[in-house]
């Protein structure tokens, strides 16, 4: 932030001389630091905190913190996160190069078009760890989309029950993994972080990490229930 003066009938002048210094000193409003959001959000409240954002104007009926108490329920829209229309996504900005984001998901897709999971997103490009259906199996895959290029990992067959989804960031890469019950996390895929960097994809919002559900052209019949989400700076 830099001080600006705007003389009558003149042009605004930044910092008195049109330049910005590394350290700026100027009068300001009283500071009121906000408390850091909790590392683990249990979805026990009826509203999400202000650190959570949507992409496009949300379809409110596709998001619920009350239909299943203690869960964030997402109803997969026909739209996907790759379109410019309102998809079913809610997330928070990535603030750290080194981080771990984990969530626990209850999702039993009824049709092969239905997917839900944890994703990283920046200006249309996105890396996803998703639960879906193939034949009679419930499967987990990682999908990496950069522009028109889409890569899909090996599929892992899931056991019945909830699944924990995780992404680790270590500045240059993102690693996706999953676990069920008391099992250790199984790594699925590692991706180069530069393909989601603002310097690569453009725009200015930076990367989001968040929760997502879609019917890929049709409204999902199955709801995706997220029990909690934890974000840790490493």
Protein backbone atom coordinates (compact mmCIF):
# COMPACT_ATOMS: atom_id res chain seq x y z
CA UNK A 1 0.00 0.00 0.00
CA UNK A 2 1.26 3.47 -0.87
CA UNK A 3 -0.03 6.96 0.02
CA UNK A 4 -1.74 8.87 -2.78
CA UNK A 5 -2.54 12.59 -2.95
CA UNK A 6 -5.07 13.90 -5.42
CA UNK A 7 -4.87 17.68 -5.79
CA UNK A 8 -7.90 19.56 -7.03
CA UNK A 9 -8.02 19.70 -10.84
CA UNK A 10 -4.89 17.55 -10.95
CA UNK A 11 -3.76 13.99 -11.33
CA UNK A 12 -3.27 11.59 -8.41
CA UNK A 13 0.35 11.36 -7.24
CA UNK A 14 1.70 8.23 -5.56
CA UNK A 15 4.10 8.71 -2.65
CA UNK A 16 4.74 12.36 -3.54
CA UNK A 17 7.01 11.51 -6.45
CA UNK A 18 5.31 8.72 -8.39
CA UNK A 19 7.48 5.93 -7.00
CA UNK A 20 6.95 3.15 -4.45
CA UNK A 21 9.55 2.31 -1.82
CA UNK A 22 10.17 -1.09 -0.27
CA UNK A 23 9.18 0.34 3.13
CA UNK A 24 6.22 2.71 3.05
CA UNK A 25 5.27 4.94 5.99
CA UNK A 26 2.01 6.83 5.96
CA UNK A 27 -1.05 7.52 8.14
CA UNK A 28 -3.50 4.64 8.16
CA UNK A 29 -6.58 3.33 9.89
CA UNK A 30 -6.20 1.58 13.25
CA UNK A 31 -4.95 -1.95 12.78
CA UNK A 32 -7.19 -4.78 13.91
CA UNK A 33 -5.52 -8.14 13.28
CA UNK A 34 -7.91 -10.98 12.54
CA UNK A 35 -7.43 -14.35 14.21
CA UNK A 36 -5.99 -17.11 12.04
CA UNK A 37 -8.66 -19.58 10.89
CA UNK A 38 -8.42 -23.00 12.55
CA UNK A 39 -6.18 -25.52 10.83
CA UNK A 40 -8.96 -28.09 10.87
CA UNK A 41 -12.51 -27.12 9.90
CA UNK A 42 -15.09 -29.61 11.19
CA UNK A 43 -18.06 -28.12 9.28
CA UNK A 44 -20.05 -27.88 12.52
CA UNK A 45 -21.28 -24.32 11.89
CA UNK A 46 -24.12 -23.24 9.61
CA UNK A 47 -21.82 -20.93 7.62
CA UNK A 48 -18.31 -21.21 6.24
CA UNK A 49 -15.64 -18.75 7.37
CA UNK A 50 -14.68 -15.73 5.29
CA UNK A 51 -11.52 -17.49 4.13
CA UNK A 52 -13.66 -19.81 1.96
CA UNK A 53 -14.47 -18.68 -1.59
CA UNK A 54 -16.58 -19.85 -4.52
CA UNK A 55 -15.76 -19.68 -8.23
CA UNK A 56 -18.49 -17.76 -10.08
CA UNK A 57 -21.77 -17.03 -8.30
CA UNK A 58 -22.66 -20.23 -6.44
CA UNK A 59 -25.86 -22.19 -6.86
CA UNK A 60 -26.72 -22.10 -3.16
CA UNK A 61 -28.80 -25.28 -3.21
CA UNK A 62 -25.65 -27.22 -4.18
CA UNK A 63 -23.96 -26.42 -0.84
CA UNK A 64 -25.31 -27.36 2.58
CA UNK A 65 -23.97 -27.42 6.13
CA UNK A 66 -27.32 -28.45 7.60
CA UNK A 67 -28.64 -31.40 5.56
CA UNK A 68 -26.17 -33.70 7.31
CA UNK A 69 -25.01 -32.25 10.61
CA UNK A 70 -21.25 -31.95 10.91
CA UNK A 71 -20.65 -32.32 7.17
CA UNK A 72 -20.35 -30.03 4.18
CA UNK A 73 -22.61 -31.54 1.54
CA UNK A 74 -21.89 -30.80 -2.12
CA UNK A 75 -24.34 -31.63 -4.87
CA UNK A 76 -22.49 -32.13 -8.15
CA UNK A 77 -23.74 -29.78 -10.86
CA UNK A 78 -23.70 -30.61 -14.55
CA UNK A 79 -20.97 -27.97 -14.95
CA UNK A 80 -17.31 -28.80 -14.38
CA UNK A 81 -14.61 -26.63 -12.86
CA UNK A 82 -13.18 -26.13 -16.39
CA UNK A 83 -16.20 -24.11 -17.57
CA UNK A 84 -16.99 -20.46 -16.94
CA UNK A 85 -20.32 -21.42 -15.36
CA UNK A 86 -21.14 -22.04 -11.71
CA UNK A 87 -19.62 -25.38 -10.76
CA UNK A 88 -19.88 -26.98 -7.31
CA UNK A 89 -16.58 -25.86 -5.79
CA UNK A 90 -15.61 -24.10 -2.57
CA UNK A 91 -12.06 -23.54 -1.41
CA UNK A 92 -9.48 -21.33 0.22
CA UNK A 93 -6.41 -19.65 -1.18
CA UNK A 94 -3.10 -21.46 -1.00
CA UNK A 95 -0.87 -19.37 1.27
CA UNK A 96 2.27 -21.49 1.60
CA UNK A 97 4.81 -23.20 -0.65
CA UNK A 98 5.08 -26.02 1.88
CA UNK A 99 1.71 -27.35 3.05
CA UNK A 100 -0.51 -30.37 3.60
CA UNK A 101 -4.23 -30.26 2.84
CA UNK A 102 -6.39 -33.23 3.85
CA UNK A 103 -10.11 -33.95 3.81
CA UNK A 104 -12.37 -36.92 4.58
CA UNK A 105 -15.07 -37.71 2.04
CA UNK A 106 -18.20 -39.87 2.10
CA UNK A 107 -19.25 -40.38 -1.52
CA UNK A 108 -20.90 -43.34 -3.21
CA UNK A 109 -21.41 -42.34 -6.86
CA UNK A 110 -24.42 -43.86 -8.60
CA UNK A 111 -23.23 -43.27 -12.18
CA UNK A 112 -19.88 -43.17 -13.95
CA UNK A 113 -20.19 -39.46 -14.74
CA UNK A 114 -20.21 -38.48 -11.04
CA UNK A 115 -16.98 -37.34 -9.36
CA UNK A 116 -16.03 -35.61 -6.10
CA UNK A 117 -12.83 -34.84 -4.28
CA UNK A 118 -10.02 -32.42 -3.43
CA UNK A 119 -8.56 -30.12 -6.07
CA UNK A 120 -5.97 -27.43 -6.73
CA UNK A 121 -7.16 -24.73 -9.11
CA UNK A 122 -5.74 -21.68 -10.85
CA UNK A 123 -7.36 -19.83 -13.75
CA UNK A 124 -8.94 -22.85 -15.41
CA UNK A 125 -6.04 -25.27 -14.91
CA UNK A 126 -6.50 -27.76 -12.08
CA UNK A 127 -5.03 -30.86 -10.44
CA UNK A 128 -7.61 -33.18 -8.82
CA UNK A 129 -7.76 -36.28 -6.64
CA UNK A 130 -11.24 -37.69 -7.25
CA UNK A 131 -13.57 -40.52 -6.29
CA UNK A 132 -15.76 -41.87 -9.09
CA UNK A 133 -17.33 -45.09 -10.37
CA UNK A 134 -16.22 -47.54 -13.04
CA UNK A 135 -18.46 -50.54 -13.62
CA UNK A 136 -19.34 -51.90 -10.20
CA UNK A 137 -16.22 -50.46 -8.54
CA UNK A 138 -15.69 -47.22 -6.71
CA UNK A 139 -12.32 -45.90 -7.83
CA UNK A 140 -9.86 -43.12 -7.08
CA UNK A 141 -7.76 -41.30 -9.68
CA UNK A 142 -5.66 -38.17 -9.99
CA UNK A 143 -6.42 -35.95 -12.97
CA UNK A 144 -4.09 -33.18 -14.12
CA UNK A 145 -5.50 -30.61 -16.54
CA UNK A 146 -3.31 -27.89 -18.02
CA UNK A 147 -4.98 -26.03 -20.88
CA UNK A 148 -6.26 -28.67 -23.29
CA UNK A 149 -3.93 -31.34 -21.93
CA UNK A 150 -5.46 -33.87 -19.50
CA UNK A 151 -3.59 -36.68 -17.78
CA UNK A 152 -5.30 -39.39 -15.69
CA UNK A 153 -3.38 -41.59 -13.27
CA UNK A 154 -3.72 -45.27 -12.57
CA UNK A 155 -7.08 -46.09 -10.93
CA UNK A 156 -7.22 -47.47 -7.38
CA UNK A 157 -10.22 -49.54 -6.32
CA UNK A 158 -11.65 -48.32 -2.99
CA UNK A 159 -13.14 -50.33 -0.17
CA UNK A 160 -16.59 -49.37 1.15
CA UNK A 161 -16.65 -46.38 3.49
CA UNK A 162 -15.11 -42.94 3.69
CA UNK A 163 -11.78 -42.00 2.14
CA UNK A 164 -9.18 -39.45 3.18
CA UNK A 165 -7.72 -37.36 0.35
CA UNK A 166 -4.47 -35.44 0.68
CA UNK A 167 -2.22 -33.12 -1.29
CA UNK A 168 1.26 -32.16 -0.11
CA UNK A 169 3.11 -29.16 -1.51
CA UNK A 170 6.89 -28.76 -1.29
CA UNK A 171 7.36 -25.60 -3.40
CA UNK A 172 8.21 -27.34 -6.68
CA UNK A 173 5.79 -30.31 -6.66
CA UNK A 174 2.35 -31.41 -5.50
CA UNK A 175 1.91 -34.99 -4.31
CA UNK A 176 -1.54 -36.59 -4.11
CA UNK A 177 -2.35 -39.53 -1.82
CA UNK A 178 -5.28 -41.28 -0.13
CA UNK A 179 -6.08 -43.54 2.82
CA UNK A 180 -9.02 -45.52 4.19
CA UNK A 181 -9.64 -46.51 7.79
CA UNK A 182 -6.36 -46.80 9.73
CA UNK A 183 -4.28 -47.47 6.61
CA UNK A 184 -1.20 -45.42 5.78
CA UNK A 185 -1.54 -42.91 2.96
CA UNK A 186 -0.85 -44.31 -0.50
CA UNK A 187 0.87 -41.91 -2.94
CA UNK A 188 -0.90 -41.76 -6.29
CA UNK A 189 0.77 -39.05 -8.35
CA UNK A 190 3.27 -36.18 -8.16
CA UNK A 191 2.90 -33.14 -10.41
CA UNK A 192 5.16 -30.20 -11.23
CA UNK A 193 3.83 -27.13 -9.40
CA UNK A 194 4.93 -24.74 -12.15
CA UNK A 195 1.95 -25.78 -14.27
CA UNK A 196 -0.42 -24.14 -11.77
CA UNK A 197 1.76 -21.10 -11.05
CA UNK A 198 0.39 -17.67 -11.90
CA UNK A 199 3.52 -17.07 -14.02
CA UNK A 200 2.40 -20.00 -16.19
CA UNK A 201 -1.41 -19.80 -16.30
CA UNK A 202 -1.76 -16.02 -15.92
CA UNK A 203 -4.44 -14.08 -14.06
CA UNK A 204 -3.92 -12.90 -10.47
CA UNK A 205 -5.94 -14.95 -8.00
CA UNK A 206 -3.25 -17.51 -7.23
CA UNK A 207 -3.94 -21.16 -6.44
CA UNK A 208 -7.00 -22.40 -4.56
CA UNK A 209 -7.25 -25.68 -2.68
CA UNK A 210 -10.80 -26.85 -2.20
CA UNK A 211 -13.65 -29.31 -2.36
CA UNK A 212 -15.42 -30.20 -5.57
CA UNK A 213 -18.23 -32.30 -7.02
CA UNK A 214 -19.53 -32.64 -10.57
CA UNK A 215 -21.86 -34.71 -12.72
CA UNK A 216 -19.84 -33.97 -15.89
CA UNK A 217 -22.78 -32.89 -18.02
CA UNK A 218 -25.57 -34.17 -15.77
CA UNK A 219 -26.66 -33.33 -12.24
CA UNK A 220 -25.21 -35.85 -9.79
CA UNK A 221 -27.64 -38.23 -8.11
CA UNK A 222 -25.19 -38.89 -5.25
CA UNK A 223 -24.25 -36.25 -2.68
CA UNK A 224 -20.62 -35.73 -1.66
CA UNK A 225 -20.31 -35.28 2.12
CA UNK A 226 -17.05 -33.83 3.46
CA UNK A 227 -16.55 -34.49 7.18
CA UNK A 228 -13.67 -32.06 7.70
CA UNK A 229 -10.78 -30.33 5.98
CA UNK A 230 -7.37 -29.61 7.49
CA UNK A 231 -4.74 -27.24 6.10
CA UNK A 232 -1.29 -27.27 7.70
CA UNK A 233 1.73 -25.11 6.89
CA UNK A 234 4.77 -27.38 6.83
